[in-house]
Amino acid sequence: ITAKPQATHWLSHVLTWLPWLIFIAFWMFLFRQMQSGQKGVFSFGKSRAKMLAGDRPKVMFSDVAGVEEAKRDLQEIVEFLKEPEKFRRFGARLPKGALLLGPPGTGKTLLARAVAGEAGVPFFSMSGSDFVEMFVGVGASRVRDLFEQGKKNAPCIIFIDELDAVGRHRGAGLGGGHDEREQTLNQLLVEMDGFDGNDGVILIAATNRPDVLDPALLRPGRFDRHITVDRPDVKGREQILKIKTGNKPLSETVDLSTLAKLTPGMSGADLENVVNEAALLAARENHTTITMEDLERAKNKIVMGSERKLVLSEEERKTIAYHEAGHTIIFEMIPEIYKPHSVTIVSRGRALGVTYSLPSEDQYLHSSTWCLGHITSLLGGQTAERMTFGDITNGASDDINRATDLARRMVCDWGMSPLGPMALGKKDEEIFLGREIAQHRDYSDQTAVKIDEAIRGIIEQCRQRAETILHENKDLLDRMAEALLEHETLNREQLGRLFGGETLEPVRPVGEDTLEEPAEQPSLEIETAPVAAAGTAESLSSEEVRAISTETGTADQTSRSSDR
């Protein structure tokens, strides 16, 4: 018997070779990825820096305003790149790095782009957070690749935004994540000033947290220049407004110098936002040009919030009117503090009423007399309530918080009390963001009692002063509150007439219902929010521009607000 051989089916051959074909195709794909250098599995260590192409619109120094000192420092770097022999014959070397320090929105990134545009050299841009990934060693590899690209294109500029994301002080934390960040920082230190030179590569970095940077980064030879980019003064704000409105149709009534005086403490980004909001407002109302009124309304919207319509009882409206009138009168009657610019009982943002005052010019220092006057103005609202109604509301909570905070700083920080020039309580603060991280008590219990007594004495002294001023001007208080109930918003011209003894004419017939249209329920807490003046002695964050800190030059905004 002979067995007949079985025919082999073609499918069995395919199944035999298919795993091998898939395996070979997979490895061919991986090798292609390695050779192509695409951002795949093997490109984690490649730098993600963006190189500005020559066909892109360039930013020049003429496009940057309000930071003349910073431009002057960076101009030397540009001249060195253009004419190196002019400096080398004196033995000068090219600065290896420039660190731009300043609050958010002041134009640090724009300045770096302007340096590249003026110098006409390659410009690599990268964020500090782009260095760190999920895999160990990626950050250091990207630093090496970034500087290799820079050396190939030297002379060039490398810009790292938000340097504090990768340059924090070593040993500030525990864990593998911090170890990886420290490896990245170590590699950055080596590339900036290590054994191998990097002539022709200039590193420019920007941060608003210089207090957390590693000291090794800040030494000469790495960042040779520390350039502060602060908020602009009134002239700088006017220059910025001219640039931002250059491509917009403006009415002949627009006075940019006046608008610059009305925007103390605003950064370049804030001013750009004001102009954009004014353009949106003009378009929404079908104007042919942007008017001064559009710009002022846009400024008020950004500083004080959008207007809201609330259902308020006549009693609540009267309480708010007397509260704001109390603030306004004290602002006017104390010569050392800022004069009121406008006051309103129209709800804006979270505020039920706003008293807005402005400095006549930028101020950098404030005396103890100013501080006492400012505390008095903060207490004026509640004092007016007590005098008029014999009772007070919970709306003055933020007024009290700010007054107490300012009194505490007078005692503990500035030596403006009988305790003398003593710094009581060490603080950890964010320099340009303006927030206090922690406070360490370094004084005895007996000293703590004296501090409390000094703070209480300042508050009581200012409260009695506010009471005296309002008692002496009771007729003015009544007339201003009535004018607020009638007009709801009073500008500087109307306030001047009231202070001059006049009575404003009514705008509605007697007996007409004055209740607001229904919307949402009001809040009950009263808060005050200053707008920081430009170029203050202590740099402020953009939040502080509208929120807290009365220790530096501020234009005060006293508002009633709450959380239900």
Protein backbone atom coordinates (compact mmCIF):
# COMPACT_ATOMS: atom_id res chain seq x y z
CA ILE A 1 0.00 0.00 0.00
CA THR A 2 1.42 3.34 -1.01
CA ALA A 3 0.40 6.56 0.86
CA LYS A 4 -0.50 9.40 -1.42
CA PRO A 5 1.32 12.64 -0.44
CA GLN A 6 -1.06 15.46 0.63
CA ALA A 7 -0.94 18.72 -1.28
CA THR A 8 0.27 21.67 0.80
CA HIS A 9 -2.24 24.51 0.85
CA TRP A 10 -0.87 27.97 -0.05
CA LEU A 11 -2.39 29.48 3.09
CA SER A 12 -0.11 27.46 5.31
CA HIS A 13 2.93 29.00 3.59
CA VAL A 14 1.56 32.49 4.15
CA LEU A 15 0.91 31.85 7.84
CA THR A 16 4.44 30.46 8.22
CA TRP A 17 6.15 33.52 6.75
CA LEU A 18 3.73 36.25 7.93
CA PRO A 19 5.19 36.70 11.48
CA TRP A 20 8.67 37.04 10.02
CA LEU A 21 7.47 39.60 7.47
CA ILE A 22 5.76 41.65 10.19
CA PHE A 23 8.90 41.49 12.36
CA ILE A 24 11.13 42.66 9.49
CA ALA A 25 8.71 45.46 8.54
CA PHE A 26 8.61 46.68 12.13
CA TRP A 27 12.41 46.93 12.36
CA MET A 28 12.61 48.65 8.98
CA PHE A 29 10.12 51.22 10.26
CA LEU A 30 12.20 51.85 13.39
CA PHE A 31 15.42 52.27 11.40
CA ARG A 32 13.67 54.74 9.10
CA GLN A 33 12.52 56.74 12.11
CA MET A 34 16.08 56.83 13.44
CA GLN A 35 17.48 58.01 10.11
CA SER A 36 14.76 60.57 9.35
CA GLY A 37 15.01 62.25 12.76
CA GLN A 38 11.28 62.79 12.93
CA LYS A 39 9.62 63.46 16.27
CA GLY A 40 8.92 59.89 17.11
CA VAL A 41 10.19 57.36 19.61
CA PHE A 42 13.85 58.22 18.98
CA SER A 43 13.48 62.01 18.82
CA PHE A 44 12.72 62.68 22.49
CA GLY A 45 16.22 64.02 22.96
CA LYS A 46 15.93 66.43 20.04
CA SER A 47 15.49 70.09 20.85
CA ARG A 48 12.06 71.57 20.18
CA ALA A 49 13.42 75.05 19.65
CA LYS A 50 11.69 77.09 16.97
CA MET A 51 13.95 78.96 14.59
CA LEU A 52 12.50 82.18 13.23
CA ALA A 53 12.62 82.12 9.45
CA GLY A 54 13.83 85.10 7.48
CA ASP A 55 10.52 85.53 5.66
CA ARG A 56 8.59 86.12 8.89
CA PRO A 57 7.81 89.73 9.93
CA LYS A 58 10.63 91.04 12.09
CA VAL A 59 10.16 92.84 15.37
CA MET A 60 12.43 95.87 15.73
CA PHE A 61 13.28 98.10 18.68
CA SER A 62 10.94 100.72 17.19
CA ASP A 63 8.07 98.29 17.89
CA VAL A 64 8.92 98.21 21.61
CA ALA A 65 8.13 101.17 23.88
CA GLY A 66 8.13 101.97 27.57
CA VAL A 67 11.33 100.05 28.40
CA GLU A 68 14.03 102.42 27.21
CA GLU A 69 16.66 101.35 29.76
CA ALA A 70 16.27 97.69 28.83
CA LYS A 71 16.49 98.54 25.12
CA ARG A 72 19.70 100.46 25.75
CA ASP A 73 21.32 97.49 27.51
CA LEU A 74 20.29 95.08 24.76
CA GLN A 75 21.39 97.51 22.03
CA GLU A 76 25.02 96.87 23.00
CA ILE A 77 24.56 93.15 22.30
CA VAL A 78 23.13 94.01 18.88
CA GLU A 79 26.05 96.32 18.09
CA PHE A 80 28.53 93.64 19.16
CA LEU A 81 26.91 91.14 16.78
CA LYS A 82 26.98 93.67 13.94
CA GLU A 83 30.45 95.14 14.55
CA PRO A 84 32.46 92.75 16.75
CA GLU A 85 35.83 94.31 15.85
CA LYS A 86 34.75 97.65 17.31
CA PHE A 87 34.65 96.01 20.76
CA ARG A 88 37.37 93.38 20.38
CA ARG A 89 40.10 95.96 19.84
CA PHE A 90 39.45 97.02 23.44
CA GLY A 91 39.64 93.43 24.62
CA ALA A 92 35.90 93.20 25.27
CA ARG A 93 34.10 89.89 24.89
CA LEU A 94 30.57 89.22 23.78
CA PRO A 95 28.18 88.87 26.75
CA LYS A 96 27.21 85.22 27.05
CA GLY A 97 23.76 85.79 28.45
CA ALA A 98 21.14 88.35 29.37
CA LEU A 99 18.40 87.66 31.92
CA LEU A 100 15.21 89.69 31.52
CA LEU A 101 13.44 90.16 34.86
CA GLY A 102 10.04 91.68 35.36
CA PRO A 103 6.32 91.25 35.99
CA PRO A 104 4.13 89.45 33.45
CA GLY A 105 3.05 91.43 30.41
CA THR A 106 5.88 93.98 30.38
CA GLY A 107 7.38 92.89 27.04
CA LYS A 108 10.27 90.55 27.93
CA THR A 109 9.59 88.13 25.06
CA LEU A 110 8.98 91.01 22.65
CA LEU A 111 12.36 92.52 23.59
CA ALA A 112 14.14 89.24 22.83
CA ARG A 113 12.49 89.06 19.41
CA ALA A 114 13.48 92.68 18.78
CA VAL A 115 17.14 91.86 19.52
CA ALA A 116 17.04 89.10 16.90
CA GLY A 117 15.31 91.39 14.41
CA GLU A 118 17.84 94.18 14.89
CA ALA A 119 20.90 91.93 14.79
CA GLY A 120 19.74 89.92 11.77
CA VAL A 121 21.03 86.62 13.19
CA PRO A 122 19.27 83.25 13.65
CA PHE A 123 16.91 83.21 16.62
CA PHE A 124 15.99 79.99 18.46
CA SER A 125 13.01 80.19 20.81
CA MET A 126 12.10 77.60 23.45
CA SER A 127 10.09 77.47 26.66
CA GLY A 128 11.64 76.26 29.89
CA SER A 129 8.96 73.61 30.26
CA ASP A 130 9.86 72.09 26.86
CA PHE A 131 13.06 70.60 28.26
CA VAL A 132 11.44 68.14 30.64
CA GLU A 133 9.51 65.04 29.50
CA MET A 134 8.40 61.78 31.03
CA PHE A 135 11.70 59.98 30.32
CA VAL A 136 14.87 60.41 32.36
CA GLY A 137 17.68 62.17 30.51
CA VAL A 138 15.49 63.84 27.90
CA GLY A 139 15.97 67.35 29.33
CA ALA A 140 19.77 67.21 29.33
CA SER A 141 19.74 65.74 25.81
CA ARG A 142 17.56 68.57 24.55
CA VAL A 143 19.86 71.16 26.09
CA ARG A 144 22.84 69.61 24.29
CA ASP A 145 20.95 69.48 21.00
CA LEU A 146 19.80 73.09 21.38
CA PHE A 147 23.34 74.39 21.82
CA GLU A 148 24.62 72.18 19.00
CA GLN A 149 22.10 73.83 16.69
CA GLY A 150 23.20 77.20 18.01
CA LYS A 151 26.89 76.51 17.36
CA LYS A 152 26.13 75.41 13.80
CA ASN A 153 24.32 78.71 13.18
CA ALA A 154 26.65 80.99 15.17
CA PRO A 155 26.45 83.86 15.69
CA CYS A 156 22.90 83.37 16.91
CA ILE A 157 20.54 84.04 19.80
CA ILE A 158 18.88 81.37 21.92
CA PHE A 159 15.84 82.54 23.87
CA ILE A 160 14.41 80.52 26.79
CA ASP A 161 11.08 81.79 28.08
CA GLU A 162 9.99 81.09 31.69
CA LEU A 163 13.49 80.07 32.77
CA ASP A 164 12.28 79.33 36.31
CA ALA A 165 10.62 76.14 34.97
CA VAL A 166 14.05 74.57 34.48
CA GLY A 167 16.42 76.81 36.45
CA ARG A 168 15.09 76.49 39.98
CA HIS A 169 17.48 76.28 42.90
CA ARG A 170 18.98 72.78 43.17
CA GLY A 171 18.06 70.85 46.27
CA ALA A 172 14.76 72.70 46.61
CA GLY A 173 12.78 69.48 46.53
CA LEU A 174 12.94 65.72 46.77
CA GLY A 175 12.08 62.92 44.38
CA GLY A 176 13.03 61.69 40.94
CA GLY A 177 11.26 64.53 39.16
CA HIS A 178 13.52 67.05 40.83
CA ASP A 179 16.57 64.90 40.04
CA GLU A 180 15.65 64.99 36.36
CA ARG A 181 15.17 68.77 36.45
CA GLU A 182 18.51 69.20 38.19
CA GLN A 183 20.23 67.11 35.51
CA THR A 184 18.73 69.44 32.92
CA LEU A 185 19.94 72.48 34.86
CA ASN A 186 23.43 71.01 35.25
CA GLN A 187 23.66 70.47 31.50
CA LEU A 188 22.50 74.04 30.89
CA LEU A 189 25.20 75.35 33.23
CA VAL A 190 27.86 73.33 31.42
CA GLU A 191 26.75 74.50 27.99
CA MET A 192 26.70 78.15 29.05
CA ASP A 193 30.15 78.23 30.60
CA GLY A 194 31.74 74.81 30.65
CA PHE A 195 34.95 73.24 29.38
CA ASP A 196 33.88 73.60 25.73
CA GLY A 197 33.36 77.13 24.53
CA ASN A 198 30.25 78.35 22.75
CA ASP A 199 31.51 81.55 21.13
CA GLY A 200 28.89 83.37 19.13
CA VAL A 201 25.92 81.86 20.96
CA ILE A 202 24.06 84.38 23.13
CA LEU A 203 21.48 83.11 25.59
CA ILE A 204 18.60 85.42 26.50
CA ALA A 205 16.14 84.20 29.12
CA ALA A 206 13.02 85.68 30.70
CA THR A 207 11.47 85.07 34.11
CA ASN A 208 9.24 86.73 36.68
CA ARG A 209 10.62 84.53 39.49
CA PRO A 210 14.32 85.47 39.87
CA ASP A 211 14.10 84.62 43.57
CA VAL A 212 13.90 80.87 42.83
CA LEU A 213 16.72 80.66 40.28
CA ASP A 214 19.91 78.76 41.08
CA PRO A 215 22.80 81.09 42.04
CA ALA A 216 25.10 79.31 39.57
CA LEU A 217 22.88 80.55 36.74
CA LEU A 218 23.09 84.15 37.84
CA ARG A 219 26.85 84.55 38.09
CA PRO A 220 28.89 86.49 35.51
CA GLY A 221 30.06 84.27 32.69
CA ARG A 222 26.62 82.77 32.34
CA PHE A 223 24.09 85.56 32.61
CA ASP A 224 26.37 88.58 32.47
CA ARG A 225 23.51 91.04 32.42
CA HIS A 226 20.41 91.17 34.57
CA ILE A 227 17.97 93.55 32.88
CA THR A 228 14.84 94.63 34.74
CA VAL A 229 11.80 95.17 32.52
CA ASP A 230 9.36 97.03 34.76
CA ARG A 231 5.96 98.56 34.15
CA PRO A 232 6.13 101.75 32.06
CA ASP A 233 5.80 105.24 33.47
CA VAL A 234 3.35 107.77 32.06
CA LYS A 235 5.60 108.64 29.10
CA GLY A 236 6.18 104.98 28.36
CA ARG A 237 2.45 104.29 28.48
CA GLU A 238 1.81 107.08 25.99
CA GLN A 239 4.43 105.64 23.61
CA ILE A 240 2.91 102.16 23.92
CA LEU A 241 -0.56 103.53 23.19
CA LYS A 242 0.75 105.29 20.07
CA ILE A 243 2.17 102.00 18.79
CA LYS A 244 -0.92 99.96 19.65
CA THR A 245 -3.29 102.48 18.03
CA GLY A 246 -1.12 103.04 14.96
CA ASN A 247 -3.21 100.77 12.72
CA LYS A 248 -6.61 101.78 14.13
CA PRO A 249 -8.94 104.63 13.09
CA LEU A 250 -8.96 107.14 15.95
CA SER A 251 -11.28 110.07 16.42
CA GLU A 252 -9.84 113.58 16.67
CA THR A 253 -11.11 113.69 20.25
CA VAL A 254 -8.68 110.97 21.37
CA ASP A 255 -5.93 112.28 23.66
CA LEU A 256 -3.43 109.50 24.31
CA SER A 257 -1.49 111.56 26.87
CA THR A 258 -4.65 111.87 28.98
CA LEU A 259 -5.38 108.17 28.60
CA ALA A 260 -1.82 107.38 29.72
CA LYS A 261 -2.43 109.37 32.92
CA LEU A 262 -5.66 107.43 33.52
CA THR A 263 -3.91 104.04 33.35
CA PRO A 264 -1.25 104.01 36.12
CA GLY A 265 0.26 100.61 36.84
CA MET A 266 -0.81 99.03 33.55
CA SER A 267 1.71 96.96 31.62
CA GLY A 268 2.09 96.89 27.85
CA ALA A 269 -0.19 93.85 27.67
CA ASP A 270 -2.85 95.68 29.72
CA LEU A 271 -2.70 98.72 27.44
CA GLU A 272 -2.97 96.55 24.34
CA ASN A 273 -6.05 94.96 25.89
CA VAL A 274 -7.57 98.41 26.53
CA VAL A 275 -7.11 99.40 22.89
CA ASN A 276 -8.53 96.11 21.65
CA GLU A 277 -11.57 96.36 23.94
CA ALA A 278 -12.17 99.91 22.69
CA ALA A 279 -12.00 98.70 19.08
CA LEU A 280 -14.51 95.92 19.84
CA LEU A 281 -16.80 98.42 21.56
CA ALA A 282 -16.63 100.86 18.63
CA ALA A 283 -17.40 98.07 16.15
CA ARG A 284 -20.28 96.77 18.27
CA GLU A 285 -21.88 100.22 18.37
CA ASN A 286 -21.20 100.91 14.65
CA HIS A 287 -18.89 103.87 15.21
CA THR A 288 -16.83 105.14 12.29
CA THR A 289 -13.78 105.73 14.53
CA ILE A 290 -12.60 104.87 18.04
CA THR A 291 -13.52 107.74 20.34
CA MET A 292 -12.06 108.84 23.66
CA GLU A 293 -15.26 107.66 25.32
CA ASP A 294 -14.71 104.17 23.86
CA LEU A 295 -11.19 104.07 25.29
CA GLU A 296 -12.33 105.26 28.74
CA ARG A 297 -15.17 102.74 28.82
CA ALA A 298 -12.74 99.98 27.84
CA LYS A 299 -10.33 101.08 30.57
CA ASN A 300 -13.11 101.06 33.17
CA LYS A 301 -14.23 97.62 32.05
CA ILE A 302 -10.72 96.18 32.49
CA VAL A 303 -9.95 97.95 35.77
CA MET A 304 -13.33 97.74 37.50
CA GLY A 305 -15.13 94.96 35.64
CA SER A 306 -18.16 94.89 33.35
CA GLU A 307 -21.36 96.64 34.35
CA ARG A 308 -24.15 94.44 35.72
CA LYS A 309 -27.82 95.08 36.35
CA LEU A 310 -28.95 93.96 39.80
CA VAL A 311 -32.22 94.05 41.73
CA LEU A 312 -31.43 96.22 44.75
CA SER A 313 -33.88 97.58 47.27
CA GLU A 314 -33.94 101.32 47.80
CA GLU A 315 -32.44 100.77 51.27
CA GLU A 316 -29.48 98.84 49.83
CA ARG A 317 -28.90 101.45 47.14
CA LYS A 318 -28.90 104.16 49.81
CA THR A 319 -26.41 102.21 51.94
CA ILE A 320 -24.07 101.76 48.97
CA ALA A 321 -24.39 105.45 48.03
CA TYR A 322 -23.43 106.66 51.53
CA HIS A 323 -20.62 104.11 51.72
CA GLU A 324 -19.03 105.29 48.46
CA ALA A 325 -19.67 108.94 49.29
CA GLY A 326 -17.75 108.44 52.55
CA HIS A 327 -14.73 107.09 50.68
CA THR A 328 -14.90 109.89 48.09
CA ILE A 329 -15.09 112.75 50.58
CA ILE A 330 -12.09 111.53 52.57
CA PHE A 331 -10.06 111.08 49.37
CA GLU A 332 -10.79 114.73 48.56
CA MET A 333 -10.30 116.19 52.05
CA ILE A 334 -6.91 114.62 52.83
CA PRO A 335 -4.34 116.47 50.69
CA GLU A 336 -1.59 113.83 50.94
CA ILE A 337 -3.52 111.06 49.13
CA TYR A 338 -4.92 110.74 45.62
CA LYS A 339 -7.94 112.74 44.50
CA PRO A 340 -11.15 110.96 43.44
CA HIS A 341 -11.57 110.61 39.69
CA SER A 342 -15.00 108.98 39.57
CA VAL A 343 -17.48 107.16 41.79
CA THR A 344 -20.36 104.87 40.89
CA ILE A 345 -22.99 102.70 42.56
CA VAL A 346 -23.46 100.70 39.35
CA SER A 347 -22.43 97.10 39.89
CA ARG A 348 -19.17 96.21 38.10
CA GLY A 349 -17.80 92.69 38.14
CA ARG A 350 -18.14 91.51 41.75
CA ALA A 351 -18.36 95.10 43.03
CA LEU A 352 -21.61 96.83 43.98
CA GLY A 353 -19.97 100.25 43.92
CA VAL A 354 -16.61 101.76 43.06
CA THR A 355 -14.68 104.85 44.14
CA TYR A 356 -11.77 105.38 41.75
CA SER A 357 -8.95 107.83 42.43
CA LEU A 358 -5.78 108.60 40.51
CA PRO A 359 -2.39 110.13 41.35
CA SER A 360 -1.49 113.40 39.69
CA GLU A 361 1.84 111.85 38.68
CA ASP A 362 3.72 108.57 39.03
CA GLN A 363 4.96 108.05 42.58
CA TYR A 364 7.66 105.68 43.75
CA LEU A 365 7.70 106.26 47.51
CA HIS A 366 5.05 106.93 50.11
CA SER A 367 5.41 108.57 53.50
CA SER A 368 3.83 107.55 56.78
CA THR A 369 1.46 110.51 56.33
CA TRP A 370 0.24 109.00 53.05
CA CYS A 371 -0.21 105.60 54.66
CA LEU A 372 -2.28 107.05 57.51
CA GLY A 373 -4.38 109.03 55.04
CA HIS A 374 -4.95 105.96 52.92
CA ILE A 375 -6.08 103.90 55.92
CA THR A 376 -8.45 106.74 56.82
CA SER A 377 -9.97 106.63 53.33
CA LEU A 378 -10.44 102.86 53.59
CA LEU A 379 -12.39 103.30 56.83
CA GLY A 380 -14.52 106.13 55.43
CA GLY A 381 -17.18 103.87 53.94
CA GLN A 382 -18.09 102.05 57.15
CA THR A 383 -17.84 105.29 59.14
CA ALA A 384 -20.38 106.93 56.82
CA GLU A 385 -22.74 103.98 57.31
CA ARG A 386 -22.52 104.23 61.11
CA MET A 387 -23.08 108.00 61.10
CA THR A 388 -26.08 107.84 58.77
CA PHE A 389 -27.91 104.69 59.79
CA GLY A 390 -26.59 104.02 63.30
CA ASP A 391 -25.50 100.57 62.15
CA ILE A 392 -22.93 98.98 59.84
CA THR A 393 -23.10 96.20 57.26
CA ASN A 394 -20.78 93.28 56.60
CA GLY A 395 -19.79 94.92 53.34
CA ALA A 396 -16.68 96.63 54.72
CA SER A 397 -14.76 93.39 55.26
CA ASP A 398 -12.23 94.01 52.50
CA ASP A 399 -11.80 97.65 53.50
CA ILE A 400 -10.91 96.43 57.00
CA ASN A 401 -8.58 93.73 55.66
CA ARG A 402 -6.64 96.20 53.56
CA ALA A 403 -6.48 98.81 56.29
CA THR A 404 -5.20 96.23 58.78
CA ASP A 405 -2.66 94.89 56.29
CA LEU A 406 -1.31 98.38 55.61
CA ALA A 407 -1.13 99.15 59.34
CA ARG A 408 0.72 95.88 59.96
CA ARG A 409 3.25 96.70 57.24
CA MET A 410 3.77 100.14 58.76
CA VAL A 411 4.60 98.49 62.10
CA CYS A 412 6.46 95.34 61.03
CA ASP A 413 8.17 96.31 57.76
CA TRP A 414 8.64 100.05 57.47
CA GLY A 415 9.35 101.20 61.04
CA MET A 416 6.44 103.68 61.04
CA SER A 417 5.35 103.08 64.64
CA PRO A 418 6.54 103.70 68.22
CA LEU A 419 8.37 100.35 68.04
CA GLY A 420 10.90 102.05 65.80
CA PRO A 421 12.84 100.87 62.73
CA MET A 422 12.59 97.13 63.27
CA ALA A 423 11.81 94.37 60.76
CA LEU A 424 9.47 92.06 62.63
CA GLY A 425 8.76 88.71 61.02
CA LYS A 426 10.79 87.35 58.11
CA LYS A 427 8.86 86.87 54.88
CA ASP A 428 9.25 84.78 51.75
CA GLU A 429 7.78 86.72 48.86
CA GLU A 430 7.57 86.39 45.09
CA ILE A 431 9.39 89.47 43.88
CA PHE A 432 7.50 90.27 40.68
CA LEU A 433 4.29 88.39 41.39
CA GLY A 434 3.76 90.23 44.66
CA ARG A 435 2.45 87.37 46.77
CA GLU A 436 3.66 86.58 50.25
CA ILE A 437 4.47 82.86 50.45
CA ALA A 438 5.18 82.52 54.15
CA GLN A 439 5.92 84.58 57.23
CA HIS A 440 8.19 83.41 60.04
CA ARG A 441 7.71 84.77 63.53
CA ASP A 442 11.04 85.76 65.04
CA TYR A 443 9.92 87.86 68.01
CA SER A 444 8.72 87.21 71.56
CA ASP A 445 5.18 87.09 72.90
CA GLN A 446 5.71 90.44 74.60
CA THR A 447 6.72 91.99 71.28
CA ALA A 448 3.68 90.41 69.61
CA VAL A 449 1.45 92.18 72.13
CA LYS A 450 3.17 95.50 71.36
CA ILE A 451 2.70 94.89 67.62
CA ASP A 452 -1.02 94.28 68.12
CA GLU A 453 -1.32 97.42 70.24
CA ALA A 454 0.53 99.51 67.63
CA ILE A 455 -1.69 98.21 64.82
CA ARG A 456 -4.83 98.80 66.87
CA GLY A 457 -3.63 102.31 67.69
CA ILE A 458 -3.12 103.18 64.02
CA ILE A 459 -6.54 101.83 63.04
CA GLU A 460 -8.32 103.67 65.86
CA GLN A 461 -6.48 106.92 65.12
CA CYS A 462 -7.53 106.74 61.45
CA ARG A 463 -11.12 105.78 62.32
CA GLN A 464 -11.50 108.80 64.57
CA ARG A 465 -10.01 111.01 61.86
CA ALA A 466 -12.50 109.66 59.29
CA GLU A 467 -15.35 110.30 61.73
CA THR A 468 -14.20 113.88 62.29
CA ILE A 469 -13.91 114.62 58.56
CA LEU A 470 -17.36 113.23 57.78
CA HIS A 471 -19.00 115.04 60.74
CA GLU A 472 -17.53 118.31 59.46
CA ASN A 473 -18.86 117.58 55.95
CA LYS A 474 -22.23 116.00 56.81
CA ASP A 475 -24.10 118.25 54.38
CA LEU A 476 -21.68 117.31 51.58
CA LEU A 477 -22.10 113.62 52.46
CA ASP A 478 -25.89 113.88 52.12
CA ARG A 479 -25.72 115.83 48.85
CA MET A 480 -23.21 113.39 47.32
CA ALA A 481 -25.23 110.34 48.34
CA GLU A 482 -28.37 111.91 46.84
CA ALA A 483 -26.46 112.70 43.63
CA LEU A 484 -25.26 109.09 43.43
CA LEU A 485 -28.80 107.78 43.89
CA GLU A 486 -29.92 110.12 41.10
CA HIS A 487 -27.03 109.87 38.61
CA GLU A 488 -25.52 106.53 39.70
CA THR A 489 -22.10 107.58 38.31
CA LEU A 490 -20.26 110.84 38.99
CA ASN A 491 -17.20 111.96 37.02
CA ARG A 492 -14.48 114.37 38.13
CA GLU A 493 -16.30 117.43 36.79
CA GLN A 494 -19.49 116.56 38.70
CA LEU A 495 -17.51 115.80 41.85
CA GLY A 496 -15.82 119.18 41.57
CA ARG A 497 -19.19 120.92 41.43
CA LEU A 498 -20.38 119.04 44.53
CA PHE A 499 -17.19 119.91 46.43
CA GLY A 500 -17.76 123.53 45.33
CA GLY A 501 -21.14 123.62 47.08
CA GLU A 502 -23.40 123.11 44.05
CA THR A 503 -26.27 120.66 43.78
CA LEU A 504 -26.52 118.57 40.63
CA GLU A 505 -29.70 118.79 38.59
CA PRO A 506 -31.91 115.66 38.51
CA VAL A 507 -31.87 113.40 35.47
CA ARG A 508 -35.25 111.69 36.06
CA PRO A 509 -38.66 113.08 36.98
CA VAL A 510 -39.48 112.98 40.68
CA GLY A 511 -41.32 109.82 41.65
CA GLU A 512 -39.96 107.67 38.82
CA ASP A 513 -39.03 104.15 39.89
CA THR A 514 -35.27 103.95 40.36
CA LEU A 515 -34.91 100.21 40.84
CA GLU A 516 -32.50 98.36 38.56
CA GLU A 517 -33.76 95.77 36.11
CA PRO A 518 -33.71 92.20 37.49
CA ALA A 519 -30.74 89.97 36.80
CA GLU A 520 -28.99 88.14 39.58
CA GLN A 521 -28.77 88.55 43.32
CA PRO A 522 -26.03 90.85 44.65
CA SER A 523 -23.15 89.84 46.82
CA LEU A 524 -22.59 91.23 50.28
CA GLU A 525 -18.89 91.56 50.91
CA ILE A 526 -17.14 94.87 50.35
CA GLU A 527 -13.69 94.77 48.85
CA THR A 528 -11.17 97.40 47.81
CA ALA A 529 -8.83 96.90 44.92
CA PRO A 530 -6.05 99.35 44.11
CA VAL A 531 -4.55 99.90 40.70
CA ALA A 532 -0.80 100.04 41.22
CA ALA A 533 1.09 103.05 39.94
CA ALA A 534 3.84 102.47 37.45
CA GLY A 535 7.44 102.11 38.52
CA THR A 536 6.77 101.51 42.18
CA ALA A 537 9.42 100.93 44.77
CA GLU A 538 8.34 97.31 45.05
CA SER A 539 7.42 95.53 41.82
CA LEU A 540 3.87 94.25 41.60
CA SER A 541 2.19 91.45 39.74
CA SER A 542 -0.66 91.94 37.31
CA GLU A 543 -2.99 90.55 39.98
CA GLU A 544 -1.77 93.20 42.45
CA VAL A 545 -2.46 95.87 39.88
CA ARG A 546 -6.15 95.20 40.53
CA ALA A 547 -6.14 93.41 43.85
CA ILE A 548 -3.98 94.12 46.91
CA SER A 549 -0.86 95.83 48.30
CA THR A 550 -1.10 99.49 49.23
CA GLU A 551 2.53 99.82 50.17
CA THR A 552 3.68 101.12 46.78
CA GLY A 553 2.38 103.81 44.45
CA THR A 554 -1.28 103.00 43.93
CA ALA A 555 -4.36 104.63 42.49
CA ASP A 556 -7.09 103.43 44.77
CA GLN A 557 -10.29 101.72 43.77
CA THR A 558 -12.64 101.13 46.69
CA SER A 559 -15.49 98.77 45.87
CA ARG A 560 -18.33 96.93 47.54
CA SER A 561 -18.61 93.28 46.56
CA SER A 562 -19.49 89.91 47.97
CA ASP A 563 -19.93 86.21 47.56
CA ARG A 564 -23.43 85.07 48.31
